[in-house]
Amino acid sequence: MIESGVTPDGQVTGLDYLKSLGITHVQIMPMFDFASIDETKNDGTYNWGYDPKNYNVPEGSYSSKPADPTARIMEMKEMINGLHKAGIRVIMDVVYNHVYSPNDQALQKTVPGYYFEYDDDNNMVADSGCGNDTASERLMMRKYILDSVKYWAENYNIDGFRFDIMSLLDTTTMNYHE
């Protein structure tokens, strides 16, 4: 992501190309751990990242060593620091409105039923179109979202956040400030 240079015929590439365009910010698609990619296989499988699994863990498929937690962290920080050194701010796309598989989700395993929205028939709500919508109005889900955003901002120097389907998150959570 932060490689730069010029081709033999003079074409500016990589980070130098972004800088030549005058770009001031980049939005990185979800870069937390998502569920549907087998990180142990380098088979070219791609996913947009809208299937959250571990919100506070860098996605392994973006790492040169996905099985090494230290490499995931260091490489993510290296990318963000490289963009900052180039004068480019980093916006992180976040998906706190739903999860991929609630039964495999740590939130559900911790307090079954608490972190999700249910209809009158006790079915999980799917206003996101993905199913498994979270309940941001519940105190501990709100705290989780706020703590997670703060974690990424403080530990990875993220400059801003783009909330996927923000309208599904409650106004109190979205307007929260210390």
N, C-alpha and C. Protein backbone atom coordinates (compact mmCIF):
# COMPACT_ATOMS: atom_id res chain seq x y z
N MET A 1 0.82 -1.20 0.00
CA MET A 1 0.00 0.00 0.00
C MET A 1 0.86 1.26 0.00
N ILE A 2 2.02 1.18 0.62
CA ILE A 2 2.83 2.40 0.72
C ILE A 2 4.07 2.34 -0.16
N GLU A 3 4.13 1.38 -1.07
CA GLU A 3 5.25 1.35 -2.01
C GLU A 3 5.09 2.49 -3.01
N SER A 4 6.19 3.00 -3.47
CA SER A 4 6.12 4.09 -4.43
C SER A 4 7.23 3.91 -5.45
N GLY A 5 7.24 4.76 -6.42
CA GLY A 5 8.29 4.69 -7.41
C GLY A 5 7.85 5.16 -8.78
N VAL A 6 8.71 4.87 -9.74
CA VAL A 6 8.47 5.27 -11.12
C VAL A 6 8.88 4.10 -12.01
N THR A 7 8.06 3.81 -13.01
CA THR A 7 8.40 2.73 -13.95
C THR A 7 9.54 3.20 -14.85
N PRO A 8 10.21 2.25 -15.54
CA PRO A 8 11.31 2.65 -16.44
C PRO A 8 10.91 3.68 -17.49
N ASP A 9 9.62 3.69 -17.87
CA ASP A 9 9.20 4.67 -18.87
C ASP A 9 8.67 5.97 -18.25
N GLY A 10 8.86 6.14 -16.90
CA GLY A 10 8.53 7.39 -16.25
C GLY A 10 7.14 7.48 -15.63
N GLN A 11 6.40 6.38 -15.62
CA GLN A 11 5.05 6.39 -15.03
C GLN A 11 5.16 6.35 -13.51
N VAL A 12 4.57 7.33 -12.85
CA VAL A 12 4.56 7.37 -11.39
C VAL A 12 3.63 6.27 -10.89
N THR A 13 4.05 5.54 -9.86
CA THR A 13 3.25 4.41 -9.36
C THR A 13 3.03 4.48 -7.86
N GLY A 14 2.12 3.64 -7.39
CA GLY A 14 1.88 3.44 -5.97
C GLY A 14 1.57 4.70 -5.21
N LEU A 15 2.20 4.84 -4.07
CA LEU A 15 1.96 5.99 -3.20
C LEU A 15 2.32 7.30 -3.89
N ASP A 16 3.37 7.29 -4.69
CA ASP A 16 3.74 8.51 -5.43
C ASP A 16 2.61 8.93 -6.38
N TYR A 17 1.93 7.96 -6.96
CA TYR A 17 0.81 8.28 -7.85
C TYR A 17 -0.32 8.94 -7.07
N LEU A 18 -0.65 8.38 -5.89
CA LEU A 18 -1.70 8.99 -5.07
C LEU A 18 -1.33 10.43 -4.72
N LYS A 19 -0.08 10.65 -4.33
CA LYS A 19 0.36 12.00 -3.98
C LYS A 19 0.28 12.93 -5.19
N SER A 20 0.60 12.41 -6.38
CA SER A 20 0.56 13.25 -7.59
C SER A 20 -0.87 13.69 -7.93
N LEU A 21 -1.84 12.91 -7.48
CA LEU A 21 -3.24 13.27 -7.70
C LEU A 21 -3.75 14.32 -6.71
N GLY A 22 -2.94 14.58 -5.69
CA GLY A 22 -3.34 15.54 -4.68
C GLY A 22 -4.27 14.96 -3.62
N ILE A 23 -4.28 13.65 -3.51
CA ILE A 23 -5.15 12.98 -2.54
C ILE A 23 -4.70 13.35 -1.13
N THR A 24 -5.69 13.71 -0.29
CA THR A 24 -5.39 14.07 1.10
C THR A 24 -5.86 13.02 2.09
N HIS A 25 -6.80 12.17 1.68
CA HIS A 25 -7.37 11.14 2.56
C HIS A 25 -7.60 9.87 1.74
N VAL A 26 -7.45 8.72 2.40
CA VAL A 26 -7.87 7.45 1.80
C VAL A 26 -8.81 6.78 2.78
N GLN A 27 -9.81 6.14 2.24
CA GLN A 27 -10.72 5.33 3.06
C GLN A 27 -10.35 3.88 2.82
N ILE A 28 -9.98 3.21 3.90
CA ILE A 28 -9.64 1.80 3.80
C ILE A 28 -10.90 0.99 4.09
N MET A 29 -11.23 0.09 3.19
CA MET A 29 -12.38 -0.78 3.42
C MET A 29 -12.18 -1.49 4.75
N PRO A 30 -13.20 -2.12 5.29
CA PRO A 30 -13.01 -2.74 6.61
C PRO A 30 -11.68 -3.49 6.69
N MET A 31 -10.93 -3.16 7.71
CA MET A 31 -9.60 -3.77 7.86
C MET A 31 -9.48 -4.50 9.19
N PHE A 32 -10.63 -4.66 9.86
CA PHE A 32 -10.66 -5.53 11.03
C PHE A 32 -10.90 -6.95 10.54
N ASP A 33 -10.72 -7.90 11.41
CA ASP A 33 -10.84 -9.31 11.05
C ASP A 33 -12.25 -9.64 10.57
N PHE A 34 -12.34 -10.14 9.34
CA PHE A 34 -13.65 -10.57 8.87
C PHE A 34 -13.69 -12.07 8.66
N ALA A 35 -14.90 -12.59 8.58
CA ALA A 35 -15.14 -14.02 8.80
C ALA A 35 -14.98 -14.93 7.59
N SER A 36 -15.30 -14.49 6.41
CA SER A 36 -15.46 -15.44 5.30
C SER A 36 -14.20 -15.74 4.51
N ILE A 37 -13.06 -15.22 4.92
CA ILE A 37 -11.80 -15.51 4.23
C ILE A 37 -10.97 -16.47 5.09
N ASP A 38 -10.49 -17.52 4.45
CA ASP A 38 -9.56 -18.43 5.13
C ASP A 38 -8.16 -17.84 4.95
N GLU A 39 -7.68 -17.19 5.98
CA GLU A 39 -6.41 -16.48 5.90
C GLU A 39 -5.21 -17.40 5.72
N THR A 40 -5.39 -18.69 5.96
CA THR A 40 -4.28 -19.62 5.82
C THR A 40 -4.04 -20.00 4.36
N LYS A 41 -4.96 -19.65 3.49
CA LYS A 41 -4.82 -19.97 2.07
C LYS A 41 -4.59 -18.70 1.27
N ASN A 42 -3.62 -18.75 0.40
CA ASN A 42 -3.34 -17.63 -0.49
C ASN A 42 -3.89 -17.99 -1.86
N ASP A 43 -5.23 -18.07 -1.94
CA ASP A 43 -5.87 -18.54 -3.17
C ASP A 43 -6.55 -17.43 -3.96
N GLY A 44 -6.27 -16.17 -3.60
CA GLY A 44 -6.84 -15.06 -4.34
C GLY A 44 -8.27 -14.72 -3.95
N THR A 45 -8.82 -15.41 -2.95
CA THR A 45 -10.17 -15.13 -2.51
C THR A 45 -10.23 -13.70 -1.99
N TYR A 46 -11.28 -12.98 -2.38
CA TYR A 46 -11.43 -11.59 -1.95
C TYR A 46 -12.78 -11.42 -1.26
N ASN A 47 -12.81 -10.51 -0.33
CA ASN A 47 -14.06 -10.16 0.33
C ASN A 47 -14.02 -8.67 0.62
N TRP A 48 -15.15 -8.01 0.54
CA TRP A 48 -15.22 -6.57 0.81
C TRP A 48 -14.98 -6.26 2.28
N GLY A 49 -15.17 -7.24 3.16
CA GLY A 49 -14.94 -7.00 4.58
C GLY A 49 -16.17 -6.63 5.37
N TYR A 50 -17.34 -6.79 4.78
CA TYR A 50 -18.57 -6.42 5.49
C TYR A 50 -19.17 -7.62 6.22
N ASP A 51 -18.31 -8.49 6.69
CA ASP A 51 -18.73 -9.65 7.48
C ASP A 51 -17.88 -9.73 8.74
N PRO A 52 -18.10 -8.78 9.65
CA PRO A 52 -17.25 -8.65 10.83
C PRO A 52 -17.21 -9.89 11.71
N LYS A 53 -16.01 -10.15 12.19
CA LYS A 53 -15.81 -11.23 13.16
C LYS A 53 -15.18 -10.67 14.42
N ASN A 54 -13.93 -10.20 14.32
CA ASN A 54 -13.22 -9.62 15.46
C ASN A 54 -12.95 -8.15 15.16
N TYR A 55 -13.74 -7.28 15.77
CA TYR A 55 -13.68 -5.86 15.45
C TYR A 55 -12.36 -5.19 15.80
N ASN A 56 -11.60 -5.72 16.73
CA ASN A 56 -10.39 -5.04 17.19
C ASN A 56 -9.11 -5.76 16.80
N VAL A 57 -9.19 -6.56 15.75
CA VAL A 57 -8.04 -7.33 15.26
C VAL A 57 -7.84 -7.01 13.78
N PRO A 58 -6.62 -6.66 13.36
CA PRO A 58 -6.39 -6.43 11.93
C PRO A 58 -6.66 -7.69 11.11
N GLU A 59 -7.26 -7.52 9.95
CA GLU A 59 -7.57 -8.64 9.06
C GLU A 59 -6.28 -9.31 8.59
N GLY A 60 -6.22 -10.62 8.72
CA GLY A 60 -5.03 -11.40 8.38
C GLY A 60 -4.73 -11.47 6.90
N SER A 61 -5.75 -11.39 6.04
CA SER A 61 -5.48 -11.51 4.60
C SER A 61 -4.74 -10.29 4.06
N TYR A 62 -4.64 -9.21 4.84
CA TYR A 62 -3.86 -8.04 4.44
C TYR A 62 -2.42 -8.13 4.93
N SER A 63 -2.10 -9.19 5.65
CA SER A 63 -0.77 -9.33 6.22
C SER A 63 0.07 -10.33 5.43
N SER A 64 1.38 -10.13 5.45
CA SER A 64 2.27 -11.10 4.79
C SER A 64 2.38 -12.38 5.61
N LYS A 65 2.00 -12.31 6.89
CA LYS A 65 2.05 -13.47 7.78
C LYS A 65 0.76 -13.51 8.61
N PRO A 66 -0.34 -13.95 8.03
CA PRO A 66 -1.63 -13.89 8.71
C PRO A 66 -1.70 -14.67 10.02
N ALA A 67 -0.90 -15.70 10.18
CA ALA A 67 -0.93 -16.50 11.40
C ALA A 67 -0.12 -15.85 12.53
N ASP A 68 0.59 -14.79 12.22
CA ASP A 68 1.44 -14.12 13.20
C ASP A 68 0.75 -12.82 13.65
N PRO A 69 0.18 -12.80 14.86
CA PRO A 69 -0.52 -11.60 15.32
C PRO A 69 0.35 -10.35 15.32
N THR A 70 1.62 -10.50 15.66
CA THR A 70 2.52 -9.35 15.68
C THR A 70 2.68 -8.77 14.29
N ALA A 71 2.81 -9.63 13.28
CA ALA A 71 2.95 -9.15 11.90
C ALA A 71 1.69 -8.40 11.46
N ARG A 72 0.53 -8.91 11.81
CA ARG A 72 -0.73 -8.22 11.46
C ARG A 72 -0.72 -6.79 12.00
N ILE A 73 -0.37 -6.67 13.26
CA ILE A 73 -0.38 -5.37 13.92
C ILE A 73 0.68 -4.45 13.34
N MET A 74 1.91 -4.93 13.25
CA MET A 74 3.02 -4.09 12.79
C MET A 74 2.82 -3.65 11.34
N GLU A 75 2.37 -4.55 10.48
CA GLU A 75 2.17 -4.18 9.08
C GLU A 75 1.03 -3.18 8.91
N MET A 76 -0.02 -3.31 9.69
CA MET A 76 -1.12 -2.34 9.64
C MET A 76 -0.62 -0.97 10.08
N LYS A 77 0.13 -0.95 11.16
CA LYS A 77 0.67 0.32 11.66
C LYS A 77 1.67 0.92 10.67
N GLU A 78 2.47 0.08 10.04
CA GLU A 78 3.43 0.54 9.04
C GLU A 78 2.71 1.21 7.87
N MET A 79 1.61 0.60 7.42
CA MET A 79 0.84 1.17 6.32
C MET A 79 0.30 2.55 6.71
N ILE A 80 -0.33 2.62 7.87
CA ILE A 80 -0.94 3.88 8.30
C ILE A 80 0.13 4.95 8.49
N ASN A 81 1.24 4.60 9.14
CA ASN A 81 2.33 5.56 9.33
C ASN A 81 2.92 6.02 8.00
N GLY A 82 3.03 5.10 7.03
CA GLY A 82 3.54 5.46 5.70
C GLY A 82 2.62 6.44 4.99
N LEU A 83 1.32 6.21 5.11
CA LEU A 83 0.37 7.15 4.51
C LEU A 83 0.45 8.51 5.20
N HIS A 84 0.56 8.51 6.51
CA HIS A 84 0.69 9.78 7.23
C HIS A 84 1.96 10.52 6.83
N LYS A 85 3.06 9.81 6.69
CA LYS A 85 4.31 10.46 6.29
C LYS A 85 4.19 11.10 4.91
N ALA A 86 3.31 10.53 4.09
CA ALA A 86 3.08 11.07 2.75
C ALA A 86 2.05 12.20 2.76
N GLY A 87 1.56 12.54 3.97
CA GLY A 87 0.58 13.62 4.07
C GLY A 87 -0.84 13.18 3.78
N ILE A 88 -1.08 11.88 3.84
CA ILE A 88 -2.41 11.34 3.55
C ILE A 88 -3.02 10.82 4.84
N ARG A 89 -4.22 11.29 5.13
CA ARG A 89 -4.93 10.87 6.33
C ARG A 89 -5.71 9.58 6.04
N VAL A 90 -5.97 8.79 7.09
CA VAL A 90 -6.58 7.47 6.92
C VAL A 90 -7.96 7.44 7.59
N ILE A 91 -8.95 7.09 6.78
CA ILE A 91 -10.31 6.90 7.25
C ILE A 91 -10.58 5.40 7.23
N MET A 92 -11.08 4.88 8.34
CA MET A 92 -11.37 3.45 8.45
C MET A 92 -12.86 3.21 8.27
N ASP A 93 -13.21 2.35 7.35
CA ASP A 93 -14.59 1.92 7.15
C ASP A 93 -14.91 0.91 8.24
N VAL A 94 -15.95 1.16 9.03
CA VAL A 94 -16.31 0.26 10.13
C VAL A 94 -17.75 -0.23 9.97
N VAL A 95 -17.97 -1.46 10.40
CA VAL A 95 -19.27 -2.12 10.25
C VAL A 95 -19.70 -2.64 11.62
N TYR A 96 -20.27 -1.75 12.42
CA TYR A 96 -20.73 -2.15 13.74
C TYR A 96 -22.22 -2.48 13.75
N ASN A 97 -22.89 -2.39 12.62
CA ASN A 97 -24.34 -2.58 12.60
C ASN A 97 -24.78 -4.03 12.49
N HIS A 98 -23.88 -4.93 12.15
CA HIS A 98 -24.22 -6.35 12.07
C HIS A 98 -22.95 -7.19 12.18
N VAL A 99 -23.13 -8.49 12.36
CA VAL A 99 -22.01 -9.43 12.37
C VAL A 99 -22.27 -10.49 11.30
N TYR A 100 -21.28 -11.28 11.05
CA TYR A 100 -21.39 -12.32 10.02
C TYR A 100 -22.20 -13.51 10.51
N SER A 101 -21.75 -14.10 11.58
CA SER A 101 -22.39 -15.30 12.10
C SER A 101 -22.54 -15.14 13.61
N PRO A 102 -23.74 -14.80 14.08
CA PRO A 102 -23.88 -14.50 15.51
C PRO A 102 -23.48 -15.63 16.44
N ASN A 103 -23.72 -16.87 16.05
CA ASN A 103 -23.39 -17.99 16.94
C ASN A 103 -21.89 -18.19 17.10
N ASP A 104 -21.11 -17.67 16.14
CA ASP A 104 -19.65 -17.75 16.22
C ASP A 104 -19.04 -16.46 16.77
N GLN A 105 -19.86 -15.49 17.03
CA GLN A 105 -19.44 -14.16 17.46
C GLN A 105 -19.20 -14.13 18.97
N ALA A 106 -18.09 -13.56 19.38
CA ALA A 106 -17.77 -13.47 20.81
C ALA A 106 -18.85 -12.74 21.60
N LEU A 107 -19.46 -11.73 20.99
CA LEU A 107 -20.53 -11.00 21.69
C LEU A 107 -21.68 -11.93 22.07
N GLN A 108 -22.08 -12.78 21.15
CA GLN A 108 -23.19 -13.71 21.41
C GLN A 108 -22.79 -14.77 22.42
N LYS A 109 -21.55 -15.21 22.36
CA LYS A 109 -21.08 -16.23 23.30
C LYS A 109 -20.95 -15.67 24.71
N THR A 110 -20.68 -14.38 24.83
CA THR A 110 -20.52 -13.76 26.14
C THR A 110 -21.86 -13.59 26.84
N VAL A 111 -22.82 -12.96 26.15
CA VAL A 111 -24.16 -12.74 26.71
C VAL A 111 -25.16 -13.03 25.59
N PRO A 112 -25.58 -14.27 25.46
CA PRO A 112 -26.49 -14.64 24.35
C PRO A 112 -27.73 -13.75 24.31
N GLY A 113 -27.97 -13.20 23.11
CA GLY A 113 -29.18 -12.41 22.87
C GLY A 113 -29.07 -10.94 23.20
N TYR A 114 -28.11 -10.55 24.00
CA TYR A 114 -28.05 -9.15 24.46
C TYR A 114 -27.62 -8.17 23.38
N TYR A 115 -26.63 -8.51 22.59
CA TYR A 115 -26.01 -7.56 21.67
C TYR A 115 -26.73 -7.42 20.33
N PHE A 116 -27.85 -8.10 20.14
CA PHE A 116 -28.52 -8.11 18.84
C PHE A 116 -29.96 -7.64 18.94
N GLU A 117 -30.47 -7.19 17.79
CA GLU A 117 -31.87 -6.76 17.67
C GLU A 117 -32.73 -7.97 17.33
N TYR A 118 -33.90 -8.04 17.96
CA TYR A 118 -34.85 -9.12 17.69
C TYR A 118 -36.22 -8.52 17.41
N ASP A 119 -36.99 -9.20 16.55
CA ASP A 119 -38.36 -8.76 16.29
C ASP A 119 -39.30 -9.36 17.32
N ASP A 120 -40.60 -9.11 17.17
CA ASP A 120 -41.59 -9.58 18.14
C ASP A 120 -41.67 -11.10 18.22
N ASP A 121 -41.21 -11.79 17.17
CA ASP A 121 -41.22 -13.26 17.16
C ASP A 121 -39.88 -13.84 17.59
N ASN A 122 -39.00 -13.00 18.13
CA ASN A 122 -37.69 -13.40 18.62
C ASN A 122 -36.74 -13.86 17.51
N ASN A 123 -36.93 -13.31 16.30
CA ASN A 123 -36.01 -13.54 15.19
C ASN A 123 -35.05 -12.36 15.11
N MET A 124 -33.81 -12.64 14.75
CA MET A 124 -32.85 -11.55 14.59
C MET A 124 -33.30 -10.61 13.48
N VAL A 125 -33.15 -9.34 13.73
CA VAL A 125 -33.54 -8.31 12.77
C VAL A 125 -32.49 -8.23 11.67
N ALA A 126 -32.96 -7.95 10.44
CA ALA A 126 -32.07 -7.90 9.28
C ALA A 126 -32.26 -6.61 8.48
N ASP A 127 -32.39 -5.47 9.17
CA ASP A 127 -32.54 -4.20 8.46
C ASP A 127 -31.31 -3.85 7.64
N SER A 128 -30.17 -4.39 8.00
CA SER A 128 -28.93 -4.14 7.26
C SER A 128 -28.93 -4.86 5.91
N GLY A 129 -29.84 -5.81 5.75
CA GLY A 129 -29.82 -6.64 4.55
C GLY A 129 -28.87 -7.80 4.70
N CYS A 130 -28.16 -7.83 5.79
CA CYS A 130 -27.18 -8.88 6.05
C CYS A 130 -27.63 -9.81 7.16
N GLY A 131 -28.59 -9.37 7.95
CA GLY A 131 -29.02 -10.15 9.10
C GLY A 131 -28.14 -9.87 10.30
N ASN A 132 -28.56 -10.35 11.43
CA ASN A 132 -27.74 -10.30 12.63
C ASN A 132 -27.39 -8.87 13.06
N ASP A 133 -28.38 -7.97 12.97
CA ASP A 133 -28.15 -6.57 13.32
C ASP A 133 -27.87 -6.41 14.81
N THR A 134 -26.90 -5.56 15.11
CA THR A 134 -26.54 -5.30 16.50
C THR A 134 -27.49 -4.29 17.13
N ALA A 135 -27.50 -4.24 18.45
CA ALA A 135 -28.38 -3.36 19.23
C ALA A 135 -27.54 -2.27 19.88
N SER A 136 -27.17 -1.25 19.13
CA SER A 136 -26.27 -0.21 19.63
C SER A 136 -26.87 0.60 20.77
N GLU A 137 -28.19 0.58 20.90
CA GLU A 137 -28.82 1.33 21.99
C GLU A 137 -28.63 0.67 23.35
N ARG A 138 -28.22 -0.57 23.37
CA ARG A 138 -27.96 -1.25 24.64
C ARG A 138 -26.61 -0.79 25.18
N LEU A 139 -26.58 -0.53 26.46
CA LEU A 139 -25.44 0.12 27.09
C LEU A 139 -24.10 -0.55 26.76
N MET A 140 -24.01 -1.86 26.87
CA MET A 140 -22.72 -2.52 26.66
C MET A 140 -22.36 -2.61 25.18
N MET A 141 -23.34 -2.65 24.27
CA MET A 141 -23.02 -2.60 22.84
C MET A 141 -22.52 -1.21 22.49
N ARG A 142 -23.17 -0.19 23.03
CA ARG A 142 -22.69 1.18 22.82
C ARG A 142 -21.26 1.31 23.31
N LYS A 143 -21.00 0.83 24.52
CA LYS A 143 -19.66 0.91 25.09
C LYS A 143 -18.66 0.16 24.20
N TYR A 144 -19.06 -0.99 23.71
CA TYR A 144 -18.17 -1.77 22.85
C TYR A 144 -17.80 -0.98 21.58
N ILE A 145 -18.80 -0.39 20.94
CA ILE A 145 -18.55 0.39 19.73
C ILE A 145 -17.63 1.57 20.04
N LEU A 146 -17.95 2.31 21.08
CA LEU A 146 -17.14 3.49 21.43
C LEU A 146 -15.71 3.09 21.82
N ASP A 147 -15.57 2.04 22.60
CA ASP A 147 -14.24 1.56 22.98
C ASP A 147 -13.45 1.09 21.76
N SER A 148 -14.13 0.44 20.83
CA SER A 148 -13.47 -0.06 19.62
C SER A 148 -12.96 1.09 18.75
N VAL A 149 -13.80 2.09 18.54
CA VAL A 149 -13.39 3.25 17.74
C VAL A 149 -12.20 3.95 18.41
N LYS A 150 -12.28 4.11 19.72
CA LYS A 150 -11.20 4.75 20.47
C LYS A 150 -9.91 3.92 20.36
N TYR A 151 -10.05 2.60 20.44
CA TYR A 151 -8.89 1.70 20.32
C TYR A 151 -8.18 1.92 18.97
N TRP A 152 -8.95 1.91 17.87
CA TRP A 152 -8.34 2.09 16.55
C TRP A 152 -7.73 3.49 16.41
N ALA A 153 -8.42 4.50 16.92
CA ALA A 153 -7.89 5.87 16.82
C ALA A 153 -6.59 6.02 17.60
N GLU A 154 -6.56 5.50 18.81
CA GLU A 154 -5.39 5.69 19.67
C GLU A 154 -4.24 4.76 19.34
N ASN A 155 -4.52 3.51 19.00
CA ASN A 155 -3.46 2.53 18.79
C ASN A 155 -2.97 2.42 17.35
N TYR A 156 -3.79 2.85 16.42
CA TYR A 156 -3.40 2.77 15.00
C TYR A 156 -3.36 4.14 14.34
N ASN A 157 -3.67 5.19 15.10
CA ASN A 157 -3.66 6.57 14.59
C ASN A 157 -4.61 6.78 13.42
N ILE A 158 -5.77 6.15 13.49
CA ILE A 158 -6.80 6.35 12.48
C ILE A 158 -7.33 7.78 12.62
N ASP A 159 -7.49 8.47 11.50
CA ASP A 159 -7.89 9.87 11.51
C ASP A 159 -9.40 10.08 11.51
N GLY A 160 -10.14 9.12 11.02
CA GLY A 160 -11.59 9.25 10.96
C GLY A 160 -12.23 7.92 10.64
N PHE A 161 -13.54 7.88 10.76
CA PHE A 161 -14.28 6.64 10.56
C PHE A 161 -15.47 6.87 9.64
N ARG A 162 -15.74 5.92 8.78
CA ARG A 162 -16.93 5.90 7.94
C ARG A 162 -17.78 4.74 8.46
N PHE A 163 -18.95 5.04 9.01
CA PHE A 163 -19.82 4.01 9.59
C PHE A 163 -20.76 3.45 8.54
N ASP A 164 -20.64 2.17 8.27
CA ASP A 164 -21.51 1.48 7.33
C ASP A 164 -22.95 1.52 7.85
N ILE A 165 -23.87 1.89 7.00
CA ILE A 165 -25.30 2.00 7.33
C ILE A 165 -25.48 2.61 8.72
N MET A 166 -24.93 3.80 8.87
CA MET A 166 -24.95 4.48 10.16
C MET A 166 -26.36 4.66 10.70
N SER A 167 -27.34 4.72 9.83
CA SER A 167 -28.72 4.92 10.28
C SER A 167 -29.24 3.77 11.14
N LEU A 168 -28.58 2.62 11.11
CA LEU A 168 -28.99 1.50 11.94
C LEU A 168 -28.45 1.60 13.37
N LEU A 169 -27.51 2.50 13.58
CA LEU A 169 -26.97 2.71 14.93
C LEU A 169 -27.75 3.85 15.58
N ASP A 170 -27.95 3.75 16.89
CA ASP A 170 -28.77 4.76 17.55
C ASP A 170 -28.08 6.11 17.62
N THR A 171 -28.87 7.16 17.70
CA THR A 171 -28.36 8.52 17.68
C THR A 171 -27.48 8.83 18.87
N THR A 172 -27.82 8.32 20.04
CA THR A 172 -27.00 8.58 21.24
C THR A 172 -25.58 8.05 21.04
N THR A 173 -25.46 6.85 20.50
CA THR A 173 -24.13 6.28 20.25
C THR A 173 -23.38 7.11 19.22
N MET A 174 -24.04 7.47 18.14
CA MET A 174 -23.37 8.21 17.07
C MET A 174 -23.00 9.63 17.48
N ASN A 175 -23.73 10.21 18.40
CA ASN A 175 -23.45 11.58 18.84
C ASN A 175 -22.58 11.65 20.08
N TYR A 176 -22.17 10.52 20.61
CA TYR A 176 -21.43 10.48 21.87
C TYR A 176 -20.10 11.24 21.73
N HIS A 177 -19.77 11.98 22.75
CA HIS A 177 -18.45 12.61 22.85
C HIS A 177 -18.09 12.77 24.32
N GLU A 178 -16.81 12.70 24.59
CA GLU A 178 -16.34 12.81 25.98
C GLU A 178 -16.09 14.26 26.33
